[in-house]
Protein backbone atom coordinates (compact mmCIF):
# COMPACT_ATOMS: atom_id res chain seq x y z
CA MET A 1 21.89 102.60 -10.19
CA SER A 2 22.34 100.09 -13.02
CA ILE A 3 20.15 96.98 -13.33
CA GLU A 4 23.12 94.82 -12.27
CA GLU A 5 23.63 96.93 -9.14
CA LYS A 6 19.91 96.78 -8.30
CA ILE A 7 19.86 92.99 -8.68
CA ALA A 8 22.93 92.64 -6.46
CA PHE A 9 21.37 94.94 -3.85
CA PHE A 10 18.08 93.08 -3.67
CA LYS A 11 19.79 89.69 -3.58
CA GLU A 12 21.73 90.83 -0.52
CA MET A 13 18.46 91.95 1.05
CA PHE A 14 16.96 88.53 0.26
CA LYS A 15 19.84 86.87 2.14
CA ILE A 16 19.25 89.07 5.19
CA PHE A 17 15.54 88.18 5.21
CA SER A 18 16.28 84.45 4.92
CA GLU A 19 18.69 84.57 7.87
CA VAL A 20 16.30 86.33 10.25
CA SER A 21 13.09 84.50 9.36
CA GLY A 22 12.40 81.14 7.78
CA ASN A 23 8.81 82.00 6.82
CA ILE A 24 9.11 85.44 5.13
CA TYR A 25 9.92 85.37 1.44
CA PRO A 26 10.81 88.67 -0.28
CA PHE A 27 10.24 89.42 -3.96
CA TRP A 28 10.85 92.31 -6.32
CA ALA A 29 9.51 93.15 -9.79
CA ASP A 30 11.19 95.65 -12.12
CA TYR A 31 8.67 96.71 -14.77
CA ASN A 32 11.29 98.63 -16.72
CA GLU A 33 13.19 95.39 -17.26
CA GLY A 34 10.07 93.20 -17.31
CA LEU A 35 11.50 90.78 -14.73
CA VAL A 36 10.49 89.40 -11.33
CA TYR A 37 13.07 88.24 -8.78
CA TRP A 38 12.05 85.72 -6.10
CA SER A 39 14.03 84.63 -3.07
CA ASP A 40 15.58 81.15 -3.32
CA GLU A 41 13.34 79.98 -0.45
CA ILE A 42 10.03 80.72 -2.16
CA THR A 43 11.40 79.47 -5.49
CA GLU A 44 12.19 76.12 -3.92
CA TYR A 45 9.07 75.97 -1.71
CA LEU A 46 6.53 76.67 -4.48
CA GLY A 47 8.49 74.93 -7.25
CA PHE A 48 9.07 77.95 -9.48
CA PRO A 49 11.00 77.16 -12.69
CA SER A 50 13.51 79.90 -11.79
CA SER A 51 14.16 82.63 -9.23
CA GLU A 52 14.22 85.11 -12.16
CA MET A 53 11.13 85.17 -14.36
CA ASP A 54 9.42 87.29 -16.99
CA VAL A 55 6.74 89.48 -15.37
CA ASN A 56 3.88 87.96 -17.38
CA ASP A 57 5.12 84.39 -16.85
CA ALA A 58 5.49 84.99 -13.11
CA GLU A 59 1.98 86.43 -12.85
CA CYS A 60 0.44 83.50 -14.73
CA PHE A 61 2.39 80.90 -12.74
CA TYR A 62 1.55 82.44 -9.37
CA ASN A 63 -2.15 83.02 -10.11
CA ALA A 64 -2.50 79.42 -11.30
CA ILE A 65 -1.41 77.95 -7.94
CA VAL A 66 -3.58 80.22 -5.77
CA HIS A 67 -6.53 78.20 -4.45
CA PRO A 68 -9.54 78.48 -6.83
CA ARG A 69 -11.74 79.81 -4.04
CA ASP A 70 -9.27 82.69 -3.39
CA ARG A 71 -8.06 83.31 -6.94
CA VAL A 72 -10.68 85.85 -8.06
CA ARG A 73 -10.30 87.87 -4.84
CA TYR A 74 -6.51 87.75 -5.18
CA ILE A 75 -6.50 88.91 -8.82
CA GLU A 76 -9.09 91.62 -8.20
CA GLY A 77 -7.01 93.02 -5.31
CA ALA A 78 -3.88 93.11 -7.44
CA ASP A 79 -5.76 94.74 -10.34
CA ALA A 80 -7.12 97.44 -8.01
CA MET A 81 -3.56 98.29 -6.96
CA PHE A 82 -2.39 98.56 -10.57
CA ARG A 83 -5.36 100.77 -11.43
CA GLY A 84 -4.21 103.14 -8.69
CA GLU A 85 -7.14 102.53 -6.36
CA THR A 86 -4.76 101.32 -3.62
CA ALA A 87 -1.07 102.01 -3.00
CA GLY A 88 -0.29 98.45 -1.97
CA PHE A 89 -1.65 94.94 -1.93
CA ASN A 90 -2.36 92.99 1.28
CA CYS A 91 -4.12 89.67 0.91
CA ASN A 92 -4.40 86.36 2.77
CA TYR A 93 -5.03 83.24 0.65
CA LEU A 94 -4.25 79.58 0.18
CA ILE A 95 -1.62 78.55 -2.36
CA LYS A 96 -0.36 75.19 -3.59
CA ASN A 97 3.28 74.34 -2.81
CA LYS A 98 5.44 72.05 -4.95
CA ASN A 99 4.24 68.98 -2.99
CA GLY A 100 0.64 69.72 -3.98
CA ASP A 101 -0.42 70.89 -0.50
CA TYR A 102 -2.39 74.11 0.01
CA VAL A 103 -0.82 76.36 2.65
CA SER A 104 -1.81 79.72 4.12
CA PHE A 105 0.06 82.74 2.67
CA THR A 106 -0.18 86.48 3.13
CA THR A 107 1.21 88.96 0.59
CA ARG A 108 2.20 92.43 1.82
CA SER A 109 3.48 94.62 -0.99
CA LYS A 110 3.84 98.12 -2.43
CA LEU A 111 3.71 99.37 -6.02
CA LEU A 112 6.03 102.29 -6.83
CA ARG A 113 5.32 104.49 -9.85
CA ASP A 114 7.52 106.86 -11.83
CA ARG A 115 6.84 110.61 -12.13
CA ASN A 116 4.37 109.91 -14.94
CA GLY A 117 2.38 107.52 -12.77
CA VAL A 118 3.52 104.43 -14.68
CA PRO A 119 4.24 101.32 -12.53
CA SER A 120 7.99 101.07 -12.07
CA VAL A 121 8.86 98.75 -9.16
CA TYR A 122 6.68 96.31 -7.22
CA LEU A 123 8.18 94.83 -4.07
CA GLY A 124 7.06 93.08 -0.95
CA VAL A 125 7.10 89.91 1.10
CA VAL A 126 5.08 86.72 1.24
CA ILE A 127 4.47 85.25 4.70
CA ASN A 128 4.11 81.49 5.02
CA HIS A 129 1.88 80.93 8.06
CA ASP A 130 2.27 77.15 7.91
CA ALA A 131 5.98 77.57 8.71
CA ASP A 132 5.30 79.37 12.01
CA VAL A 133 5.14 76.14 14.05
CA GLU A 134 8.38 74.18 14.44
CA ILE A 135 6.81 70.93 15.73
CA ASP A 136 5.36 68.32 13.38
CA ASP A 137 1.71 67.83 14.38
CA LEU A 138 1.61 64.11 13.55
CA THR A 139 4.82 62.79 15.11
CA GLY A 140 5.72 65.42 17.69
CA VAL A 141 9.29 65.75 16.41
CA GLY A 142 10.78 68.91 14.92
CA ASN A 143 9.81 69.96 11.40
CA LYS A 144 12.02 71.29 8.63
CA LEU A 145 11.86 74.84 9.99
CA ALA A 146 13.19 73.58 13.33
CA LEU A 147 15.99 71.73 11.53
CA ILE A 148 16.98 74.85 9.59
CA ALA A 149 16.99 76.89 12.80
CA ARG A 150 19.30 74.35 14.46
CA VAL A 151 21.61 74.34 11.45
CA ARG A 152 21.79 78.13 11.58
CA TYR A 153 22.61 78.07 15.28
CA PHE A 154 25.47 75.57 14.86
CA ILE A 155 26.90 77.54 11.95
CA SER A 156 26.72 80.81 13.91
CA GLU A 157 28.60 79.10 16.76
CA GLU A 158 31.12 77.64 14.26
CA ARG A 159 30.32 74.11 15.42
CA ASN A 160 30.48 71.04 13.17
CA PHE A 161 27.55 68.66 12.82
CA GLY A 162 26.27 65.81 10.70
CA LEU A 163 22.95 64.74 9.20
CA MET A 164 21.65 61.27 8.43
CA PHE A 165 18.53 61.46 6.29
CA PHE A 166 16.18 59.22 4.36
CA GLY A 167 13.00 59.39 2.30
CA LEU A 168 10.27 56.85 1.59
CA ARG A 169 9.27 55.54 -1.82
CA ASN A 170 5.84 54.32 -2.96
CA PHE A 171 4.04 56.02 -0.08
CA ASP A 172 1.33 57.45 -2.35
CA TYR A 173 0.35 53.84 -2.99
CA ILE A 174 -0.05 53.25 0.76
CA ASN A 175 -2.35 56.26 1.18
CA SER A 176 -4.45 55.41 -1.87
CA SER A 177 -4.74 51.69 -1.03
CA TYR A 178 -5.12 51.75 2.75
CA GLY A 179 -6.24 55.31 3.50
CA TYR A 180 -4.50 58.29 5.05
CA ASP A 181 -5.17 57.16 8.64
CA ASN A 182 -3.23 53.94 8.10
CA GLY A 183 -0.54 55.87 6.26
CA SER A 184 -0.21 58.28 9.19
CA ASP A 185 0.05 55.34 11.58
CA LEU A 186 2.99 53.97 9.55
CA ILE A 187 4.73 57.36 9.72
CA ILE A 188 4.37 57.38 13.52
CA ARG A 189 5.74 53.83 13.83
CA ILE A 190 8.72 54.74 11.65
CA VAL A 191 9.51 57.76 13.85
CA VAL A 192 9.20 55.65 17.03
CA LYS A 193 11.68 53.14 15.58
CA LEU A 194 13.97 55.95 14.49
CA LYS A 195 13.99 57.36 18.04
CA GLU A 196 14.93 53.93 19.35
CA LEU A 197 17.81 53.58 16.89
CA SER A 198 19.20 57.11 17.04
CA GLY A 199 19.51 57.41 20.84
CA SER A 200 19.97 60.98 22.05
CA ASN A 201 20.32 62.44 18.57
CA ILE A 202 17.53 64.78 17.48
CA ILE A 203 14.98 63.66 14.89
CA TYR A 204 13.17 65.82 12.35
CA ARG A 205 10.36 65.21 9.90
CA CYS A 206 11.38 67.42 6.97
CA SER A 207 8.17 66.84 5.02
CA GLY A 208 5.57 64.11 4.54
CA THR A 209 7.97 61.24 3.84
CA LYS A 210 11.40 62.78 4.48
CA PHE A 211 13.25 62.46 7.79
CA ALA A 212 16.58 63.54 9.25
CA VAL A 213 18.68 62.75 12.33
CA PHE A 214 20.90 65.59 13.60
CA PHE A 215 24.30 64.73 15.15
CA ASP A 216 25.55 67.67 17.24
CA GLN A 217 29.24 66.82 16.85
CA ASP A 218 31.98 66.36 14.30
CA VAL A 219 30.94 63.13 12.52
CA GLU A 220 34.25 62.48 10.79
CA GLY A 221 35.08 58.83 11.46
CA MET A 222 31.45 58.02 12.37
CA GLU A 223 30.39 57.04 8.85
CA GLU A 224 30.02 53.32 9.62
CA LYS A 225 28.01 54.01 12.79
CA ILE A 226 25.64 56.36 10.95
CA LYS A 227 25.38 53.91 8.07
CA GLY A 228 24.40 51.25 10.62
CA ILE A 229 21.48 53.38 11.85
CA TYR A 230 20.36 53.94 8.26
CA GLU A 231 20.52 50.22 7.42
CA LYS A 232 18.50 49.27 10.50
CA ILE A 233 15.74 51.76 9.72
CA ARG A 234 15.86 50.62 6.08
CA ASP A 235 15.38 46.98 7.13
CA PHE A 236 12.51 47.98 9.42
CA VAL A 237 10.75 50.01 6.72
CA GLU A 238 11.23 47.42 3.98
CA ASN A 239 10.48 44.27 6.00
CA ASP A 240 8.60 44.88 9.27
CA LEU A 241 5.65 47.16 8.49
CA THR A 242 2.12 45.78 8.23
CA ILE A 243 -1.41 47.13 7.90
CA ASN A 244 -4.22 44.85 9.13
CA SER A 245 -1.73 41.95 9.20
CA ASN A 246 -0.82 42.63 5.56
CA LYS A 247 2.85 43.29 4.87
CA VAL A 248 3.31 46.56 2.99
CA SER A 249 6.10 47.32 0.54
CA ILE A 250 7.83 50.66 1.08
CA GLY A 251 11.17 51.59 -0.45
CA ILE A 252 13.76 53.88 1.08
CA TYR A 253 16.69 56.04 -0.02
CA GLY A 254 19.12 58.21 1.90
CA GLY A 255 22.57 58.88 3.22
CA MET A 256 24.52 61.45 5.23
CA ILE A 257 26.32 64.76 4.98
CA ASN A 258 29.11 66.23 7.13
CA SER A 259 29.00 70.02 7.62
CA LYS A 260 32.82 70.12 7.33
CA ASP A 261 32.50 69.16 3.65
CA PHE A 262 30.55 72.27 2.72
CA ILE A 263 30.55 76.05 2.93
CA SER A 264 29.40 77.19 6.38
CA SER A 265 26.14 78.82 5.32
CA SER A 266 22.70 77.73 6.50
CA GLU A 267 21.25 78.59 3.08
CA TYR A 268 23.90 76.48 1.38
CA ILE A 269 23.45 73.52 3.76
CA ASN A 270 19.68 73.70 3.17
CA ASN A 271 20.29 73.54 -0.59
CA VAL A 272 22.73 70.67 -0.09
CA LEU A 273 20.12 68.69 1.87
CA TYR A 274 17.45 69.40 -0.75
CA GLN A 275 19.81 68.30 -3.54
CA ALA A 276 20.82 65.15 -1.65
CA PHE A 277 17.16 64.20 -1.10
CA THR A 278 16.43 64.76 -4.80
CA MET A 279 19.49 62.83 -5.92
CA GLY A 280 18.63 59.92 -3.62
CA ARG A 281 15.04 59.79 -4.80
CA ASN A 282 16.07 59.82 -8.46
CA SER A 283 18.71 57.12 -7.97
CA GLY A 284 16.14 54.34 -7.58
CA SER A 285 18.46 52.70 -5.03
CA ASP A 286 18.25 52.07 -1.28
CA LYS A 287 22.04 52.25 -0.96
CA PHE A 288 23.46 54.49 1.78
CA VAL A 289 25.40 57.38 0.20
CA TYR A 290 27.90 59.73 1.82
CA TYR A 291 27.10 62.93 -0.04
CA ASN A 292 30.25 65.04 -0.30
CA GLU A 293 30.97 68.08 -2.46
CA ASN A 294 32.28 66.04 -5.40
CA ILE A 295 29.16 63.86 -5.61
CA LEU A 296 26.80 66.81 -5.42
CA LEU A 297 28.85 68.86 -7.88
CA SER A 298 28.70 66.00 -10.37
CA ASN A 299 24.94 65.75 -9.86
CA ARG A 300 24.50 69.51 -10.31
CA ARG A 301 26.39 69.34 -13.59
CA GLN A 302 24.21 66.45 -14.70
CA GLN A 303 21.04 68.39 -13.85
CA GLU A 304 22.32 71.47 -15.68
CA MET A 305 22.91 69.31 -18.73
CA ILE A 306 19.39 67.86 -18.50
CA TYR A 307 17.90 71.37 -18.35
CA ASP A 308 19.88 72.31 -21.47
CA VAL A 309 18.75 69.17 -23.29
CA ILE A 310 15.10 69.90 -22.45
CA ARG A 311 15.45 73.49 -23.66
CA CYS A 312 16.87 72.19 -26.96
CA LEU A 313 14.10 69.59 -27.18
CA ASN A 314 11.54 72.39 -27.04
CA ASP A 315 13.53 74.51 -29.50
CA ASN A 316 12.96 72.47 -32.67
CA TYR A 317 15.28 69.66 -31.44
CA ARG A 318 18.31 71.95 -31.53
CA GLY A 319 21.56 70.05 -31.01
CA PHE A 320 20.04 66.60 -31.61
CA LEU A 321 21.64 64.45 -34.29
CA ILE A 322 21.49 60.89 -35.57
CA VAL A 323 24.38 58.49 -36.01
CA TYR A 324 24.24 55.15 -37.78
CA GLN A 325 25.66 51.70 -37.08
CA PRO A 326 25.80 49.10 -39.87
CA ILE A 327 23.87 45.84 -39.67
CA MET A 328 25.80 43.09 -41.44
CA ASN A 329 25.13 39.95 -43.41
CA VAL A 330 28.15 38.06 -42.07
CA LYS A 331 27.89 35.28 -44.65
CA GLU A 332 28.30 37.78 -47.49
CA ASN A 333 30.32 40.32 -45.46
CA ARG A 334 28.23 43.27 -46.62
CA ILE A 335 26.06 45.97 -45.07
CA ILE A 336 22.35 45.25 -45.47
CA GLY A 337 20.92 47.94 -43.20
CA MET A 338 21.69 50.53 -40.57
CA GLU A 339 20.38 51.36 -37.13
CA ALA A 340 19.61 55.01 -36.30
CA LEU A 341 20.84 56.10 -32.86
CA LEU A 342 20.12 59.43 -31.19
CA ARG A 343 22.78 61.79 -29.82
CA TRP A 344 22.81 65.35 -28.41
CA GLN A 345 25.67 67.80 -28.84
CA ASP A 346 26.65 71.23 -27.58
CA SER A 347 29.83 73.27 -27.78
CA GLN A 348 31.02 72.69 -24.21
CA ARG A 349 30.08 69.08 -23.55
CA GLY A 350 30.59 67.51 -26.96
CA ILE A 351 28.43 64.56 -28.06
CA ILE A 352 26.24 63.01 -25.34
CA THR A 353 24.66 59.54 -25.61
CA PRO A 354 20.97 58.96 -24.68
CA GLY A 355 21.82 57.01 -21.53
CA ASN A 356 22.71 60.35 -19.94
CA PHE A 357 19.40 62.12 -20.63
CA ILE A 358 16.70 59.87 -22.13
CA ASP A 359 14.98 59.00 -18.82
CA GLN A 360 14.34 62.66 -18.11
CA ILE A 361 13.35 63.97 -21.54
CA GLU A 362 10.97 61.15 -22.47
CA LYS A 363 8.54 62.58 -19.89
CA GLU A 364 8.38 65.85 -21.83
CA ALA A 365 5.43 66.51 -24.15
CA ALA A 366 7.81 67.36 -27.02
CA PHE A 367 9.47 63.93 -26.85
CA TYR A 368 6.78 62.38 -29.08
CA GLY A 369 7.63 64.88 -31.81
CA LEU A 370 11.34 64.12 -31.43
CA SER A 371 10.64 60.37 -31.81
CA ASN A 372 8.85 60.96 -35.11
CA TRP A 373 11.55 63.40 -36.21
CA ILE A 374 14.10 60.58 -35.75
CA ILE A 375 12.10 58.26 -38.02
CA LYS A 376 11.68 60.91 -40.72
CA ARG A 377 15.32 62.04 -40.65
CA ALA A 378 16.61 58.46 -40.61
CA ILE A 379 14.48 57.54 -43.63
CA GLU A 380 15.72 60.61 -45.52
CA ASP A 381 19.33 59.63 -44.83
CA SER A 382 18.86 56.00 -45.82
CA LYS A 383 17.13 56.51 -49.18
CA GLU A 384 20.42 56.81 -51.10
CA PHE A 385 21.34 53.27 -50.02
CA MET A 386 17.86 51.94 -50.89
CA ARG A 387 18.36 53.22 -54.44
CA LYS A 388 21.49 51.02 -54.67
CA ASP A 389 19.93 48.05 -52.84
CA PRO A 390 16.10 47.77 -52.87
CA ASP A 391 16.25 45.50 -49.81
CA PHE A 392 18.35 47.89 -47.72
CA PHE A 393 16.54 48.86 -44.49
CA ILE A 394 16.69 51.53 -41.84
CA SER A 395 16.12 50.39 -38.26
CA VAL A 396 14.74 52.83 -35.65
CA ASN A 397 14.03 52.35 -31.97
CA LEU A 398 10.44 52.94 -30.96
CA SER A 399 9.73 55.06 -27.91
CA HIS A 400 7.25 54.66 -25.10
CA ALA A 401 5.69 57.97 -26.22
CA GLN A 402 4.94 56.59 -29.69
CA LEU A 403 3.53 53.29 -28.48
CA HIS A 404 1.01 55.07 -26.29
CA ASN A 405 0.01 57.90 -28.61
CA ASP A 406 -3.21 57.41 -30.55
CA ARG A 407 -1.85 59.50 -33.43
CA PHE A 408 1.24 57.38 -34.01
CA MET A 409 -0.17 54.96 -36.60
CA SER A 410 -1.51 57.76 -38.81
CA ASP A 411 1.67 59.81 -38.30
CA LEU A 412 3.78 56.83 -39.34
CA ASP A 413 1.68 56.37 -42.49
CA SER A 414 2.12 60.05 -43.33
CA ILE A 415 5.91 59.90 -42.93
CA LEU A 416 6.27 56.83 -45.17
CA LYS A 417 3.94 58.30 -47.78
CA GLU A 418 5.80 61.63 -47.80
CA GLU A 419 9.21 59.93 -48.04
CA ASP A 420 7.89 57.46 -50.65
CA ILE A 421 9.53 54.28 -49.40
CA PRO A 422 7.95 50.81 -49.01
CA TYR A 423 6.94 49.72 -45.52
CA LYS A 424 9.32 46.77 -45.78
CA ASN A 425 12.36 49.06 -45.79
CA LEU A 426 11.54 50.32 -42.29
CA ASN A 427 12.47 48.23 -39.26
CA LEU A 428 10.98 49.35 -35.93
CA GLU A 429 12.75 48.05 -32.83
CA PHE A 430 11.01 47.39 -29.53
CA THR A 431 13.78 48.00 -27.02
CA LYS A 432 14.13 47.20 -23.33
CA ARG A 433 12.75 50.69 -22.63
CA CYS A 434 9.36 49.46 -23.85
CA ARG A 435 8.90 47.23 -20.80
CA ILE A 436 5.13 47.04 -21.09
CA LEU A 437 5.04 45.25 -24.41
CA GLU A 438 2.81 42.56 -22.98
CA SER A 439 -0.47 44.48 -23.25
CA LYS A 440 -3.38 44.26 -25.68
CA GLU A 441 -2.94 47.88 -26.77
CA ILE A 442 0.69 47.38 -27.80
CA ARG A 443 0.04 43.98 -29.35
CA ASP A 444 -2.74 45.41 -31.54
CA LYS A 445 -0.45 48.19 -32.78
CA MET A 446 2.32 45.69 -33.52
CA ILE A 447 -0.08 43.53 -35.51
CA THR A 448 -1.30 46.56 -37.48
CA MET A 449 2.25 47.63 -38.35
CA PHE A 450 3.23 44.04 -39.18
CA ASN A 451 0.26 43.62 -41.53
CA LYS A 452 1.18 46.87 -43.31
CA GLY A 453 4.62 45.39 -44.05
CA VAL A 454 6.75 47.20 -41.49
CA ARG A 455 9.44 44.81 -40.26
CA LEU A 456 9.36 44.48 -36.48
CA VAL A 457 12.42 43.72 -34.34
CA ILE A 458 12.53 42.73 -30.68
CA ASP A 459 15.75 44.21 -29.31
CA ASP A 460 17.83 43.08 -26.30
CA TYR A 461 16.19 39.67 -26.18
CA GLY A 462 17.48 37.64 -23.28
CA SER A 463 17.82 40.61 -20.94
CA SER A 464 15.85 40.77 -17.71
CA TYR A 465 12.52 41.93 -19.14
CA SER A 466 12.19 39.28 -21.90
CA SER A 467 9.84 36.33 -21.83
CA LEU A 468 8.85 33.50 -24.15
CA ASN A 469 5.45 35.20 -24.43
CA LEU A 470 7.10 37.90 -26.57
CA LEU A 471 8.15 35.29 -29.11
CA SER A 472 4.91 33.33 -29.27
CA ASN A 473 2.27 36.07 -29.06
CA TYR A 474 3.82 39.13 -30.69
CA PRO A 475 4.65 39.50 -34.39
CA ALA A 476 8.32 40.10 -35.19
CA ASP A 477 10.61 39.46 -38.15
CA ARG A 478 13.93 39.60 -36.34
CA ILE A 479 15.13 39.03 -32.78
CA LYS A 480 18.27 40.80 -31.58
CA ILE A 481 20.13 38.82 -28.96
CA SER A 482 21.17 40.92 -25.96
CA ARG A 483 24.81 41.89 -25.44
CA GLU A 484 24.56 40.09 -22.10
CA PHE A 485 25.10 36.82 -23.96
CA VAL A 486 28.01 38.07 -26.02
CA LYS A 487 30.45 39.02 -23.28
CA ASP A 488 32.66 36.05 -22.30
CA ILE A 489 30.26 33.54 -23.89
CA ASP A 490 33.19 31.38 -25.00
CA LYS A 491 34.02 30.88 -21.29
CA SER A 492 30.49 30.29 -19.98
CA LYS A 493 28.88 26.91 -20.58
CA THR A 494 25.63 28.17 -19.01
CA LYS A 495 25.39 31.07 -21.47
CA GLN A 496 26.13 28.75 -24.40
CA ILE A 497 23.41 26.26 -23.45
CA THR A 498 20.85 29.01 -22.80
CA LEU A 499 21.63 30.84 -26.04
CA ASN A 500 21.49 27.61 -28.03
CA ALA A 501 17.96 27.01 -26.75
CA ILE A 502 16.88 30.60 -27.47
CA ILE A 503 18.24 30.61 -31.03
CA ASP A 504 16.71 27.21 -31.77
CA CYS A 505 13.33 28.47 -30.56
CA ILE A 506 13.58 31.67 -32.66
CA ARG A 507 14.46 29.74 -35.83
CA GLN A 508 11.65 27.23 -35.35
CA LEU A 509 9.29 30.21 -35.16
CA ASP A 510 10.70 31.25 -38.57
CA LYS A 511 12.26 34.49 -37.33
CA GLU A 512 15.70 35.91 -38.07
CA VAL A 513 18.46 36.11 -35.45
CA CYS A 514 20.85 39.05 -35.12
CA ILE A 515 23.72 39.12 -32.62
CA GLU A 516 24.57 42.52 -31.11
CA GLY A 517 27.80 43.58 -29.44
CA ILE A 518 30.27 41.85 -31.77
CA GLU A 519 33.57 43.56 -30.92
CA SER A 520 36.28 41.24 -32.25
CA GLU A 521 36.94 38.75 -35.02
CA GLU A 522 37.32 35.98 -32.44
CA VAL A 523 33.83 36.58 -31.02
CA LEU A 524 32.34 36.74 -34.52
CA LYS A 525 34.01 33.44 -35.48
CA PHE A 526 32.73 31.80 -32.29
CA PHE A 527 29.12 32.70 -33.16
CA VAL A 528 29.45 31.74 -36.82
CA ASP A 529 31.04 28.37 -35.99
CA ASN A 530 28.77 27.46 -33.09
CA TYR A 531 25.45 29.08 -33.95
CA ASN A 532 25.64 29.55 -37.73
CA ILE A 533 24.50 33.19 -37.44
CA ARG A 534 23.78 35.27 -40.54
CA TYR A 535 23.25 38.77 -39.11
CA ALA A 536 25.41 40.76 -36.69
CA GLN A 537 26.10 44.25 -35.42
CA GLY A 538 28.89 45.71 -33.31
CA TYR A 539 32.08 47.71 -32.95
CA TYR A 540 34.05 45.06 -34.84
CA TYR A 541 32.44 46.43 -37.98
CA SER A 542 31.95 50.03 -36.88
CA LYS A 543 30.88 52.22 -33.99
CA PRO A 544 27.86 54.45 -34.70
CA VAL A 545 29.00 57.18 -37.13
CA VAL A 546 27.60 60.24 -38.89
CA LEU A 547 26.10 59.82 -42.34
CA THR A 548 29.22 60.84 -44.29
CA LYS A 549 31.33 58.23 -42.48
CA PHE A 550 28.64 55.60 -42.95
CA ARG A 551 28.61 56.37 -46.66
CA GLU A 552 32.37 55.76 -46.85
CA LEU A 553 31.99 52.50 -44.93
CA TYR A 554 29.18 51.33 -47.21
CA GLU A 555 31.19 52.06 -50.36
CA LYS A 556 34.17 50.20 -48.94
CA MET A 557 32.32 47.05 -47.83
CA ASN A 558 29.68 46.84 -50.59
CA LYS A 559 31.83 47.23 -53.68
């Protein structure tokens, strides 16, 4: 039997196990191939990076989440089996699931050896004892296992059904601030309200802060009714909960799915629900969403792209590139600097802008290195223009990772020393992503960089996070006015009055003004005539381009 045939065979066995029992998770290790194959259920439950893992990686990952008090006993039992002292491995222990909770597991397994006595195949099952009970201890409603069992029953009977679900945000804050007893009391009150709103429909607590309402009928045409239930529980959670007479702030997300929209498989529906919960949580919105196949497919594609970007981030920044947009002196109609902007590219998707991946990758440890790589690469690319114009500058966006890394100041000094350019030729932009500018730590770093001669720029000024405190208490050479003021400013008297006051304030503080988002000659003329601006940036001059195109643009405009 080939490796492909063996994988297919065991995957079919995994499916059979998952259909007959929700708490038994099979696994299989092939030592000839050096791979371990987990069932989808245990992969999702314990938060494995993949259902297919290298043998050594799988062993390290699994051992690390076994409870410390059981870990030595667990490892010693497994080692005894591999030494040939036992034919199999049976052990009960506690293990941490992906939510951080320790649950009771039992492994029952067998190690098969080849004719030379060398380990060949290791297979068995893991039993999750915490999944045996289908009633939630705290609320008395069904748990996730009970919900899965009901889904399986309806699918086996070829009956349609619907699910309304929601999750709570910020609940860790409730437990840490008011204690777990008060947090549990809130959960109970939410379930009581949900019972009142949902009528005869069955309620489930899927996990600590995730809930579902099961509709045992075809829900096509019932979207508005189900949305009404969601909105009422949302209003209750967001506005009517108190602890010791103190109003508490809890967010909510959620939506619904209709079984008719998806493949009739309990495993698939379970994955759909998990994906919908994840998508809702990541959205940051309390808006009710009807999750159909198209929405989830789009989200899956987005997640696949994020995984690829992270892999490239950890592979020497493979696929990342920098494009440049000119910064203009509009009075002299010449390029005086360029802003470095990050992109990612692969063969299938083309060039992807940071708005599609930056939120996810900036949490990765390697993101700090990428941020410094951008500065170094941008300086290298800009030096040819500095040789022609000693005042030419390269402008780079600072990241949250750099601002909060103790090594950043020394790393920045090393880069500038290695590249041999004056501090004044580097502009560092504090963008709207750096929302915690107003702190002593950040202010001290800004002052240090400013005193060294680095030119500091506050980007997107006038957007929602800005304040006058930024202008008065933080050093900066240039202020970039947000694009929010550029769009339709010639038609908005309010925008004109506000911008006039902002620009007047900036100039009295002896700082430069740069207008972003200039996309037409008419808009440029409006700003020049009404605000006497000197510096501008936007698609009217050029979109962000690769270095060769920027070089052509520079030669054309700076003859």
